[in-house]
PDB file of N, CA and C in Angstrom:
ATOM      1  N   MET A   1      33.760  57.469 -21.967  1.00  0.00           N
ATOM      2  CA  MET A   1      33.314  56.181 -22.373  1.00  0.00           C
ATOM      3  C   MET A   1      32.969  56.136 -23.780  1.00  0.00           C
ATOM      4  N   GLN A   2      33.294  54.975 -24.239  1.00  0.00           N
ATOM      5  CA  GLN A   2      33.114  54.831 -25.915  1.00  0.00           C
ATOM      6  C   GLN A   2      31.819  54.110 -25.982  1.00  0.00           C
ATOM      7  N   LYS A   3      31.024  54.716 -27.038  1.00  0.00           N
ATOM      8  CA  LYS A   3      29.734  53.935 -27.256  1.00  0.00           C
ATOM      9  C   LYS A   3      30.018  53.231 -28.467  1.00  0.00           C
ATOM     10  N   ILE A   4      29.111  52.178 -28.241  1.00  0.00           N
ATOM     11  CA  ILE A   4      29.083  50.859 -29.505  1.00  0.00           C
ATOM     12  C   ILE A   4      27.674  50.713 -29.779  1.00  0.00           C
ATOM     13  N   GLN A   5      27.363  51.213 -31.166  1.00  0.00           N
ATOM     14  CA  GLN A   5      26.030  50.821 -31.798  1.00  0.00           C
ATOM     15  C   GLN A   5      25.675  49.149 -31.860  1.00  0.00           C
ATOM     16  N   VAL A   6      24.672  48.778 -31.451  1.00  0.00           N
ATOM     17  CA  VAL A   6      24.320  47.256 -31.624  1.00  0.00           C
ATOM     18  C   VAL A   6      23.118  47.388 -32.431  1.00  0.00           C
ATOM     19  N   ALA A   7      23.066  47.050 -33.497  1.00  0.00           N
ATOM     20  CA  ALA A   7      22.113  46.997 -34.368  1.00  0.00           C
ATOM     21  C   ALA A   7      21.239  45.919 -34.175  1.00  0.00           C
ATOM     22  N   TYR A   8      19.685  46.402 -34.193  1.00  0.00           N
ATOM     23  CA  TYR A   8      18.633  44.951 -33.900  1.00  0.00           C
ATOM     24  C   TYR A   8      18.931  44.116 -35.009  1.00  0.00           C
ATOM     25  N   LYS A   9      19.105  44.347 -36.316  1.00  0.00           N
ATOM     26  CA  LYS A   9      19.203  43.721 -37.435  1.00  0.00           C
ATOM     27  C   LYS A   9      20.382  42.771 -37.259  1.00  0.00           C
ATOM     28  N   ASP A  10      21.352  43.214 -36.675  1.00  0.00           N
ATOM     29  CA  ASP A  10      22.528  42.195 -36.477  1.00  0.00           C
ATOM     30  C   ASP A  10      22.501  41.139 -35.232  1.00  0.00           C
ATOM     31  N   ILE A  11      21.502  41.669 -34.400  1.00  0.00           N
ATOM     32  CA  ILE A  11      21.630  40.397 -33.046  1.00  0.00           C
ATOM     33  C   ILE A  11      20.527  39.414 -33.392  1.00  0.00           C
ATOM     34  N   VAL A  12      19.582  39.832 -34.436  1.00  0.00           N
ATOM     35  CA  VAL A  12      18.633  38.851 -34.472  1.00  0.00           C
ATOM     36  C   VAL A  12      18.408  38.530 -36.053  1.00  0.00           C
ATOM     37  N   LEU A  13      18.367  37.053 -36.220  1.00  0.00           N
ATOM     38  CA  LEU A  13      18.184  36.673 -37.421  1.00  0.00           C
ATOM     39  C   LEU A  13      16.924  36.801 -38.348  1.00  0.00           C
ATOM     40  N   ALA A  14      16.998  36.757 -39.592  1.00  0.00           N
ATOM     41  CA  ALA A  14      15.847  37.012 -40.109  1.00  0.00           C
ATOM     42  C   ALA A  14      14.550  36.069 -39.739  1.00  0.00           C
ATOM     43  N   GLU A  15      14.765  34.854 -39.256  1.00  0.00           N
ATOM     44  CA  GLU A  15      13.820  33.964 -38.842  1.00  0.00           C
ATOM     45  C   GLU A  15      13.568  34.079 -37.324  1.00  0.00           C
ATOM     46  N   GLY A  16      14.100  35.174 -36.674  1.00  0.00           N
ATOM     47  CA  GLY A  16      13.839  35.685 -35.608  1.00  0.00           C
ATOM     48  C   GLY A  16      14.542  35.141 -34.435  1.00  0.00           C
ATOM     49  N   GLY A  17      15.457  34.060 -34.574  1.00  0.00           N
ATOM     50  CA  GLY A  17      16.575  33.446 -33.314  1.00  0.00           C
ATOM     51  C   GLY A  17      17.621  34.362 -33.431  1.00  0.00           C
ATOM     52  N   PRO A  18      18.550  34.301 -32.141  1.00  0.00           N
ATOM     53  CA  PRO A  18      19.634  35.232 -31.991  1.00  0.00           C
ATOM     54  C   PRO A  18      20.605  35.126 -33.115  1.00  0.00           C
ATOM     55  N   ASN A  19      21.274  35.914 -33.289  1.00  0.00           N
ATOM     56  CA  ASN A  19      22.570  35.844 -34.242  1.00  0.00           C
ATOM     57  C   ASN A  19      23.812  35.584 -33.824  1.00  0.00           C
ATOM     58  N   GLU A  20      23.951  33.956 -33.154  1.00  0.00           N
ATOM     59  CA  GLU A  20      25.297  33.979 -32.242  1.00  0.00           C
ATOM     60  C   GLU A  20      26.373  34.277 -32.793  1.00  0.00           C
ATOM     61  N   GLU A  21      26.518  34.231 -34.368  1.00  0.00           N
ATOM     62  CA  GLU A  21      27.984  34.375 -34.750  1.00  0.00           C
ATOM     63  C   GLU A  21      28.296  35.903 -34.505  1.00  0.00           C
ATOM     64  N   TYR A  22      27.461  36.774 -34.780  1.00  0.00           N
ATOM     65  CA  TYR A  22      27.637  38.256 -34.624  1.00  0.00           C
ATOM     66  C   TYR A  22      27.638  38.549 -33.093  1.00  0.00           C
ATOM     67  N   LEU A  23      27.147  37.862 -32.511  1.00  0.00           N
ATOM     68  CA  LEU A  23      27.372  38.109 -30.762  1.00  0.00           C
ATOM     69  C   LEU A  23      28.473  37.714 -30.111  1.00  0.00           C
ATOM     70  N   ALA A  24      29.177  36.418 -30.968  1.00  0.00           N
ATOM     71  CA  ALA A  24      30.453  36.032 -30.612  1.00  0.00           C
ATOM     72  C   ALA A  24      31.424  37.163 -30.827  1.00  0.00           C
ATOM     73  N   SER A  25      31.202  37.620 -32.121  1.00  0.00           N
ATOM     74  CA  SER A  25      32.102  38.817 -32.933  1.00  0.00           C
ATOM     75  C   SER A  25      32.318  40.222 -31.960  1.00  0.00           C
ATOM     76  N   LEU A  26      30.856  40.586 -31.583  1.00  0.00           N
ATOM     77  CA  LEU A  26      30.632  41.560 -30.543  1.00  0.00           C
ATOM     78  C   LEU A  26      31.529  41.210 -29.285  1.00  0.00           C
ATOM     79  N   ARG A  27      31.525  40.227 -28.715  1.00  0.00           N
ATOM     80  CA  ARG A  27      32.102  39.802 -27.455  1.00  0.00           C
ATOM     81  C   ARG A  27      33.491  39.831 -27.948  1.00  0.00           C
ATOM     82  N   ASN A  28      34.223  39.307 -28.942  1.00  0.00           N
ATOM     83  CA  ASN A  28      35.562  39.390 -29.282  1.00  0.00           C
ATOM     84  C   ASN A  28      35.972  40.997 -29.329  1.00  0.00           C
ATOM     85  N   GLN A  29      34.986  41.728 -29.739  1.00  0.00           N
ATOM     86  CA  GLN A  29      35.657  43.382 -29.952  1.00  0.00           C
ATOM     87  C   GLN A  29      35.502  43.782 -28.760  1.00  0.00           C
ATOM     88  N   LEU A  30      34.581  43.645 -27.758  1.00  0.00           N
ATOM     89  CA  LEU A  30      34.547  44.085 -26.439  1.00  0.00           C
ATOM     90  C   LEU A  30      35.697  43.393 -25.663  1.00  0.00           C
ATOM     91  N   LYS A  31      36.295  42.212 -25.791  1.00  0.00           N
ATOM     92  CA  LYS A  31      37.316  41.818 -25.294  1.00  0.00           C
ATOM     93  C   LYS A  31      38.668  42.353 -25.141  1.00  0.00           C
ATOM     94  N   ASP A  32      38.623  43.143 -26.882  1.00  0.00           N
ATOM     95  CA  ASP A  32      39.816  43.859 -27.135  1.00  0.00           C
ATOM     96  C   ASP A  32      39.824  45.093 -26.359  1.00  0.00           C
ATOM     97  N   LEU A  33      38.582  45.807 -26.326  1.00  0.00           N
ATOM     98  CA  LEU A  33      38.694  47.034 -25.823  1.00  0.00           C
ATOM     99  C   LEU A  33      38.764  47.099 -24.258  1.00  0.00           C
ATOM    100  N   GLU A  34      38.469  45.856 -23.502  1.00  0.00           N
ATOM    101  CA  GLU A  34      38.591  45.699 -22.165  1.00  0.00           C
ATOM    102  C   GLU A  34      40.119  45.632 -22.035  1.00  0.00           C
ATOM    103  N   ALA A  35      40.772  44.804 -22.729  1.00  0.00           N
ATOM    104  CA  ALA A  35      42.183  44.696 -22.773  1.00  0.00           C
ATOM    105  C   ALA A  35      43.036  46.183 -22.911  1.00  0.00           C
ATOM    106  N   GLN A  36      42.299  46.941 -23.704  1.00  0.00           N
ATOM    107  CA  GLN A  36      42.919  48.451 -23.621  1.00  0.00           C
ATOM    108  C   GLN A  36      42.397  49.371 -22.424  1.00  0.00           C
ATOM    109  N   GLY A  37      41.739  48.801 -21.482  1.00  0.00           N
ATOM    110  CA  GLY A  37      41.231  49.708 -20.441  1.00  0.00           C
ATOM    111  C   GLY A  37      40.232  50.444 -20.788  1.00  0.00           C
ATOM    112  N   GLN A  38      39.433  50.404 -21.917  1.00  0.00           N
ATOM    113  CA  GLN A  38      38.544  51.115 -22.431  1.00  0.00           C
ATOM    114  C   GLN A  38      37.047  50.916 -21.346  1.00  0.00           C
ATOM    115  N   GLU A  39      36.106  51.792 -21.558  1.00  0.00           N
ATOM    116  CA  GLU A  39      34.967  51.500 -20.824  1.00  0.00           C
ATOM    117  C   GLU A  39      33.923  51.789 -22.187  1.00  0.00           C
ATOM    118  N   VAL A  40      32.662  51.265 -21.771  1.00  0.00           N
ATOM    119  CA  VAL A  40      31.875  50.883 -23.123  1.00  0.00           C
ATOM    120  C   VAL A  40      30.292  50.972 -22.584  1.00  0.00           C
ATOM    121  N   MET A  41      29.585  51.661 -23.222  1.00  0.00           N
ATOM    122  CA  MET A  41      27.993  51.785 -23.283  1.00  0.00           C
ATOM    123  C   MET A  41      27.804  51.084 -24.468  1.00  0.00           C
ATOM    124  N   LEU A  42      26.736  50.352 -24.467  1.00  0.00           N
ATOM    125  CA  LEU A  42      26.245  49.571 -25.690  1.00  0.00           C
ATOM    126  C   LEU A  42      24.804  50.540 -26.022  1.00  0.00           C
ATOM    127  N   VAL A  43      24.784  50.942 -27.515  1.00  0.00           N
ATOM    128  CA  VAL A  43      23.626  51.484 -27.752  1.00  0.00           C
ATOM    129  C   VAL A  43      22.649  50.778 -28.661  1.00  0.00           C
ATOM    130  N   PRO A  44      21.648  50.272 -28.364  1.00  0.00           N
ATOM    131  CA  PRO A  44      20.647  49.519 -29.342  1.00  0.00           C
ATOM    132  C   PRO A  44      20.196  50.459 -30.387  1.00  0.00           C
ATOM    133  N   ASP A  45      20.379  49.994 -31.505  1.00  0.00           N
ATOM    134  CA  ASP A  45      19.945  50.871 -32.864  1.00  0.00           C
ATOM    135  C   ASP A  45      18.735  49.824 -33.261  1.00  0.00           C
ATOM    136  N   VAL A  46      17.562  50.416 -33.042  1.00  0.00           N
ATOM    137  CA  VAL A  46      16.098  49.590 -33.347  1.00  0.00           C
ATOM    138  C   VAL A  46      15.608  50.659 -34.238  1.00  0.00           C
ATOM    139  N   PRO A  47      15.102  50.250 -35.677  1.00  0.00           N
ATOM    140  CA  PRO A  47      14.303  50.935 -36.471  1.00  0.00           C
ATOM    141  C   PRO A  47      12.950  50.918 -36.109  1.00  0.00           C
ATOM    142  N   ALA A  48      12.307  51.915 -36.150  1.00  0.00           N
ATOM    143  CA  ALA A  48      10.509  52.038 -35.615  1.00  0.00           C
ATOM    144  C   ALA A  48       9.983  51.073 -36.202  1.00  0.00           C
ATOM    145  N   GLN A  49      10.538  50.305 -37.531  1.00  0.00           N
ATOM    146  CA  GLN A  49       9.643  49.335 -38.191  1.00  0.00           C
ATOM    147  C   GLN A  49       9.630  48.024 -37.584  1.00  0.00           C
ATOM    148  N   ASN A  50      10.612  48.174 -36.601  1.00  0.00           N
ATOM    149  CA  ASN A  50      10.748  46.515 -35.929  1.00  0.00           C
ATOM    150  C   ASN A  50      10.090  46.810 -34.471  1.00  0.00           C
ATOM    151  N   CYS A  51       9.504  48.145 -34.238  1.00  0.00           N
ATOM    152  CA  CYS A  51       9.046  48.311 -32.932  1.00  0.00           C
ATOM    153  C   CYS A  51       7.712  49.058 -33.017  1.00  0.00           C
ATOM    154  N   LYS A  52       6.838  48.362 -33.576  1.00  0.00           N
ATOM    155  CA  LYS A  52       5.512  49.005 -34.061  1.00  0.00           C
ATOM    156  C   LYS A  52       4.392  49.102 -32.861  1.00  0.00           C
ATOM    157  N   ASP A  53       4.478  48.004 -31.796  1.00  0.00           N
ATOM    158  CA  ASP A  53       3.699  47.822 -30.791  1.00  0.00           C
ATOM    159  C   ASP A  53       4.441  47.448 -29.723  1.00  0.00           C
ATOM    160  N   VAL A  54       3.718  47.187 -28.434  1.00  0.00           N
ATOM    161  CA  VAL A  54       4.107  46.770 -27.421  1.00  0.00           C
ATOM    162  C   VAL A  54       4.807  45.471 -27.236  1.00  0.00           C
ATOM    163  N   ASP A  55       4.139  44.403 -28.026  1.00  0.00           N
ATOM    164  CA  ASP A  55       4.500  43.098 -28.160  1.00  0.00           C
ATOM    165  C   ASP A  55       5.903  42.981 -28.790  1.00  0.00           C
ATOM    166  N   ALA A  56       6.071  44.084 -29.952  1.00  0.00           N
ATOM    167  CA  ALA A  56       7.380  44.061 -30.623  1.00  0.00           C
ATOM    168  C   ALA A  56       8.633  44.642 -29.829  1.00  0.00           C
ATOM    169  N   ALA A  57       8.080  45.560 -29.008  1.00  0.00           N
ATOM    170  CA  ALA A  57       8.958  46.191 -27.956  1.00  0.00           C
ATOM    171  C   ALA A  57       9.576  45.235 -26.778  1.00  0.00           C
ATOM    172  N   LEU A  58       8.741  44.294 -26.658  1.00  0.00           N
ATOM    173  CA  LEU A  58       9.136  43.125 -25.589  1.00  0.00           C
ATOM    174  C   LEU A  58       9.964  42.383 -26.212  1.00  0.00           C
ATOM    175  N   GLU A  59       9.780  42.208 -27.648  1.00  0.00           N
ATOM    176  CA  GLU A  59      10.739  41.223 -28.367  1.00  0.00           C
ATOM    177  C   GLU A  59      12.338  41.780 -28.619  1.00  0.00           C
ATOM    178  N   VAL A  60      12.260  43.368 -28.735  1.00  0.00           N
ATOM    179  CA  VAL A  60      13.320  43.951 -28.626  1.00  0.00           C
ATOM    180  C   VAL A  60      14.205  43.937 -27.246  1.00  0.00           C
ATOM    181  N   THR A  61      13.279  43.911 -26.565  1.00  0.00           N
ATOM    182  CA  THR A  61      14.047  43.770 -25.001  1.00  0.00           C
ATOM    183  C   THR A  61      14.658  42.309 -24.688  1.00  0.00           C
ATOM    184  N   ALA A  62      13.820  41.256 -25.269  1.00  0.00           N
ATOM    185  CA  ALA A  62      14.388  39.852 -25.127  1.00  0.00           C
ATOM    186  C   ALA A  62      15.771  39.919 -26.105  1.00  0.00           C
ATOM    187  N   ALA A  63      15.670  40.489 -27.272  1.00  0.00           N
ATOM    188  CA  ALA A  63      16.842  40.279 -28.018  1.00  0.00           C
ATOM    189  C   ALA A  63      18.137  40.966 -27.270  1.00  0.00           C
ATOM    190  N   TYR A  64      17.879  42.014 -26.782  1.00  0.00           N
ATOM    191  CA  TYR A  64      19.103  42.891 -26.220  1.00  0.00           C
ATOM    192  C   TYR A  64      19.334  42.113 -24.752  1.00  0.00           C
ATOM    193  N   ARG A  65      18.521  41.525 -23.967  1.00  0.00           N
ATOM    194  CA  ARG A  65      18.679  40.770 -22.749  1.00  0.00           C
ATOM    195  C   ARG A  65      19.603  39.680 -23.361  1.00  0.00           C
ATOM    196  N   HIS A  66      19.272  38.929 -24.389  1.00  0.00           N
ATOM    197  CA  HIS A  66      20.082  38.103 -24.832  1.00  0.00           C
ATOM    198  C   HIS A  66      21.638  38.455 -25.016  1.00  0.00           C
ATOM    199  N   CYS A  67      21.538  39.681 -25.832  1.00  0.00           N
ATOM    200  CA  CYS A  67      22.953  40.149 -26.047  1.00  0.00           C
ATOM    201  C   CYS A  67      23.778  40.365 -24.773  1.00  0.00           C
ATOM    202  N   ALA A  68      22.897  40.760 -23.728  1.00  0.00           N
ATOM    203  CA  ALA A  68      23.654  41.309 -22.555  1.00  0.00           C
ATOM    204  C   ALA A  68      24.265  39.855 -21.910  1.00  0.00           C
ATOM    205  N   ARG A  69      23.519  38.714 -22.117  1.00  0.00           N
ATOM    206  CA  ARG A  69      23.958  37.199 -21.685  1.00  0.00           C
ATOM    207  C   ARG A  69      25.234  36.975 -22.595  1.00  0.00           C
ATOM    208  N   ARG A  70      25.333  37.173 -23.427  1.00  0.00           N
ATOM    209  CA  ARG A  70      26.634  36.715 -24.527  1.00  0.00           C
ATOM    210  C   ARG A  70      27.655  37.734 -24.027  1.00  0.00           C
ATOM    211  N   VAL A  71      27.670  38.689 -23.515  1.00  0.00           N
ATOM    212  CA  VAL A  71      28.778  39.839 -23.131  1.00  0.00           C
ATOM    213  C   VAL A  71      29.040  40.003 -21.779  1.00  0.00           C
ATOM    214  N   LYS A  72      28.367  39.004 -21.070  1.00  0.00           N
ATOM    215  CA  LYS A  72      28.310  39.133 -19.502  1.00  0.00           C
ATOM    216  C   LYS A  72      29.824  39.334 -18.920  1.00  0.00           C
ATOM    217  N   ASP A  73      30.696  38.455 -19.625  1.00  0.00           N
ATOM    218  CA  ASP A  73      32.154  38.355 -18.912  1.00  0.00           C
ATOM    219  C   ASP A  73      33.071  39.686 -19.493  1.00  0.00           C
ATOM    220  N   CYS A  74      32.236  40.576 -20.087  1.00  0.00           N
ATOM    221  CA  CYS A  74      33.291  41.641 -20.750  1.00  0.00           C
ATOM    222  C   CYS A  74      33.021  42.842 -19.624  1.00  0.00           C
ATOM    223  N   ALA A  75      33.940  42.700 -18.727  1.00  0.00           N
ATOM    224  CA  ALA A  75      33.915  44.017 -17.909  1.00  0.00           C
ATOM    225  C   ALA A  75      33.968  45.257 -18.163  1.00  0.00           C
ATOM    226  N   CYS A  76      34.334  45.587 -19.312  1.00  0.00           N
ATOM    227  CA  CYS A  76      34.373  46.832 -20.163  1.00  0.00           C
ATOM    228  C   CYS A  76      32.873  47.470 -20.295  1.00  0.00           C
ATOM    229  N   VAL A  77      31.809  46.553 -20.422  1.00  0.00           N
ATOM    230  CA  VAL A  77      30.539  46.992 -20.798  1.00  0.00           C
ATOM    231  C   VAL A  77      29.960  47.486 -19.368  1.00  0.00           C
ATOM    232  N   LYS A  78      29.689  48.662 -19.448  1.00  0.00           N
ATOM    233  CA  LYS A  78      28.936  49.485 -18.199  1.00  0.00           C
ATOM    234  C   LYS A  78      27.613  49.450 -18.218  1.00  0.00           C
ATOM    235  N   GLY A  79      26.919  49.296 -19.466  1.00  0.00           N
ATOM    236  CA  GLY A  79      25.431  49.444 -19.555  1.00  0.00           C
ATOM    237  C   GLY A  79      25.033  49.652 -20.761  1.00  0.00           C
ATOM    238  N   PHE A  80      23.866  49.800 -20.972  1.00  0.00           N
ATOM    239  CA  PHE A  80      23.137  50.028 -22.269  1.00  0.00           C
ATOM    240  C   PHE A  80      22.433  51.352 -22.301  1.00  0.00           C
ATOM    241  N   GLU A  81      22.370  51.819 -23.433  1.00  0.00           N
ATOM    242  CA  GLU A  81      21.110  52.975 -23.656  1.00  0.00           C
ATOM    243  C   GLU A  81      19.978  52.424 -23.791  1.00  0.00           C
ATOM    244  N   ILE A  82      18.972  53.132 -23.403  1.00  0.00           N
ATOM    245  CA  ILE A  82      17.394  52.529 -23.643  1.00  0.00           C
ATOM    246  C   ILE A  82      17.133  52.693 -25.080  1.00  0.00           C
ATOM    247  N   PRO A  83      16.727  51.767 -25.834  1.00  0.00           N
ATOM    248  CA  PRO A  83      16.239  51.962 -27.112  1.00  0.00           C
ATOM    249  C   PRO A  83      15.785  53.433 -27.458  1.00  0.00           C
ATOM    250  N   ALA A  84      16.195  54.218 -28.058  1.00  0.00           N
ATOM    251  CA  ALA A  84      15.400  55.231 -28.338  1.00  0.00           C
ATOM    252  C   ALA A  84      14.015  55.304 -29.159  1.00  0.00           C
ATOM    253  N   VAL A  85      13.746  54.334 -29.497  1.00  0.00           N
ATOM    254  CA  VAL A  85      12.553  54.052 -30.352  1.00  0.00           C
ATOM    255  C   VAL A  85      11.221  53.773 -29.367  1.00  0.00           C
ATOM    256  N   PHE A  86      11.684  53.738 -27.861  1.00  0.00           N
ATOM    257  CA  PHE A  86      10.629  53.465 -26.853  1.00  0.00           C
ATOM    258  C   PHE A  86       9.850  54.797 -26.647  1.00  0.00           C
ATOM    259  N   ALA A  87      10.942  55.961 -26.805  1.00  0.00           N
ATOM    260  CA  ALA A  87      10.512  57.390 -26.317  1.00  0.00           C
ATOM    261  C   ALA A  87       9.272  57.921 -27.196  1.00  0.00           C
ATOM    262  N   ALA A  88       9.089  57.405 -28.399  1.00  0.00           N
ATOM    263  CA  ALA A  88       8.138  57.652 -29.200  1.00  0.00           C
ATOM    264  C   ALA A  88       6.767  56.805 -29.037  1.00  0.00           C
ATOM    265  N   MET A  89       6.941  55.735 -28.340  1.00  0.00           N
ATOM    266  CA  MET A  89       5.706  54.744 -28.421  1.00  0.00           C
ATOM    267  C   MET A  89       4.918  55.210 -26.971  1.00  0.00           C
ATOM    268  N   GLU A  90       3.750  54.867 -27.308  1.00  0.00           N
ATOM    269  CA  GLU A  90       2.396  54.863 -26.226  1.00  0.00           C
ATOM    270  C   GLU A  90       3.076  53.960 -25.105  1.00  0.00           C
ATOM    271  N   ARG A  91       3.285  54.238 -23.945  1.00  0.00           N
ATOM    272  CA  ARG A  91       3.706  53.260 -22.692  1.00  0.00           C
ATOM    273  C   ARG A  91       4.996  53.087 -22.820  1.00  0.00           C
ATOM    274  N   GLY A  92       5.950  54.312 -23.490  1.00  0.00           N
ATOM    275  CA  GLY A  92       7.304  54.171 -23.878  1.00  0.00           C
ATOM    276  C   GLY A  92       7.903  54.164 -22.336  1.00  0.00           C
ATOM    277  N   GLY A  93       7.595  54.844 -21.447  1.00  0.00           N
ATOM    278  CA  GLY A  93       8.157  54.915 -20.144  1.00  0.00           C
ATOM    279  C   GLY A  93       8.018  53.640 -19.509  1.00  0.00           C
ATOM    280  N   GLU A  94       7.115  52.827 -19.574  1.00  0.00           N
ATOM    281  CA  GLU A  94       6.824  51.439 -19.052  1.00  0.00           C
ATOM    282  C   GLU A  94       7.758  50.393 -19.703  1.00  0.00           C
ATOM    283  N   LEU A  95       7.974  50.623 -21.037  1.00  0.00           N
ATOM    284  CA  LEU A  95       8.836  49.796 -21.979  1.00  0.00           C
ATOM    285  C   LEU A  95      10.287  50.111 -21.681  1.00  0.00           C
ATOM    286  N   ALA A  96      10.419  51.675 -21.131  1.00  0.00           N
ATOM    287  CA  ALA A  96      11.884  51.831 -20.698  1.00  0.00           C
ATOM    288  C   ALA A  96      12.276  50.958 -19.551  1.00  0.00           C
ATOM    289  N   ASP A  97      11.384  51.125 -18.480  1.00  0.00           N
ATOM    290  CA  ASP A  97      11.460  50.394 -17.317  1.00  0.00           C
ATOM    291  C   ASP A  97      11.274  49.065 -17.204  1.00  0.00           C
ATOM    292  N   ASN A  98      10.997  48.614 -18.265  1.00  0.00           N
ATOM    293  CA  ASN A  98      10.973  46.894 -18.468  1.00  0.00           C
ATOM    294  C   ASN A  98      12.236  46.494 -18.978  1.00  0.00           C
ATOM    295  N   PHE A  99      12.648  47.225 -20.038  1.00  0.00           N
ATOM    296  CA  PHE A  99      14.087  47.073 -20.623  1.00  0.00           C
ATOM    297  C   PHE A  99      15.305  47.137 -19.314  1.00  0.00           C
ATOM    298  N   LYS A 100      14.903  48.229 -18.523  1.00  0.00           N
ATOM    299  CA  LYS A 100      16.313  48.090 -17.549  1.00  0.00           C
ATOM    300  C   LYS A 100      16.029  46.786 -16.488  1.00  0.00           C
ATOM    301  N   SER A 101      14.640  46.537 -16.081  1.00  0.00           N
ATOM    302  CA  SER A 101      14.644  45.641 -15.014  1.00  0.00           C
ATOM    303  C   SER A 101      14.957  44.340 -15.535  1.00  0.00           C
ATOM    304  N   GLU A 102      14.722  43.890 -16.833  1.00  0.00           N
ATOM    305  CA  GLU A 102      15.285  42.564 -17.631  1.00  0.00           C
ATOM    306  C   GLU A 102      16.776  42.780 -17.590  1.00  0.00           C
ATOM    307  N   LEU A 103      17.311  43.728 -17.742  1.00  0.00           N
ATOM    308  CA  LEU A 103      18.675  43.344 -17.947  1.00  0.00           C
ATOM    309  C   LEU A 103      19.561  43.571 -16.610  1.00  0.00           C
ATOM    310  N   LEU A 104      18.903  44.341 -15.615  1.00  0.00           N
ATOM    311  CA  LEU A 104      19.404  44.244 -14.395  1.00  0.00           C
ATOM    312  C   LEU A 104      19.147  42.969 -13.324  1.00  0.00           C
ATOM    313  N   GLU A 105      18.521  42.152 -13.821  1.00  0.00           N
ATOM    314  CA  GLU A 105      17.994  41.111 -13.229  1.00  0.00           C
ATOM    315  C   GLU A 105      19.125  39.894 -13.224  1.00  0.00           C
ATOM    316  N   LYS A 106      20.057  40.109 -14.335  1.00  0.00           N
ATOM    317  CA  LYS A 106      21.450  39.298 -14.282  1.00  0.00           C
ATOM    318  C   LYS A 106      22.750  40.066 -14.401  1.00  0.00           C
ATOM    319  N   HIS A 107      22.294  41.357 -14.546  1.00  0.00           N
ATOM    320  CA  HIS A 107      23.568  42.327 -14.583  1.00  0.00           C
ATOM    321  C   HIS A 107      23.226  43.585 -13.672  1.00  0.00           C
ATOM    322  N   PRO A 108      23.386  43.299 -12.539  1.00  0.00           N
ATOM    323  CA  PRO A 108      23.020  44.385 -11.294  1.00  0.00           C
ATOM    324  C   PRO A 108      23.790  45.704 -11.232  1.00  0.00           C
ATOM    325  N   HIS A 109      24.950  45.387 -12.170  1.00  0.00           N
ATOM    326  CA  HIS A 109      26.034  46.762 -12.191  1.00  0.00           C
ATOM    327  C   HIS A 109      25.840  47.507 -13.136  1.00  0.00           C
ATOM    328  N   TYR A 110      24.898  47.136 -14.230  1.00  0.00           N
ATOM    329  CA  TYR A 110      24.677  48.213 -15.412  1.00  0.00           C
ATOM    330  C   TYR A 110      24.048  49.352 -15.109  1.00  0.00           C
ATOM    331  N   VAL A 111      24.670  50.478 -15.936  1.00  0.00           N
ATOM    332  CA  VAL A 111      24.139  51.745 -15.836  1.00  0.00           C
ATOM    333  C   VAL A 111      23.279  52.011 -16.985  1.00  0.00           C
ATOM    334  N   PHE A 112      22.367  52.703 -17.185  1.00  0.00           N
ATOM    335  CA  PHE A 112      21.289  52.819 -18.448  1.00  0.00           C
ATOM    336  C   PHE A 112      21.217  54.695 -18.577  1.00  0.00           C
ATOM    337  N   GLU A 113      21.345  54.571 -19.694  1.00  0.00           N
ATOM    338  CA  GLU A 113      21.306  56.314 -20.314  1.00  0.00           C
ATOM    339  C   GLU A 113      19.835  56.592 -21.147  1.00  0.00           C
TER     340      GLU A 113
END
């Protein structure tokens, strides 16, 4: 299974909204991999500076939930890794569980690592 890094800085614009241009490009890349029969795990790349507290972690989750919606028709996507930055945070387990439940709501087939 191929892993593709998806940087938080790429999916969120400086003013806080989603970067739809990047997400469209990611979708095109995934569709190409799908045509080749590849399977993909998306790997969030979130610097600690973007995840200083629970509220910031929830914003990160919302951004990756939006990302998942934009690539929902890409059958090659098998799931996401849990953002590694959550592990170092107080309540990291809860944040990881929330990340999974938010994405599973619309994508029940996803697996998480």
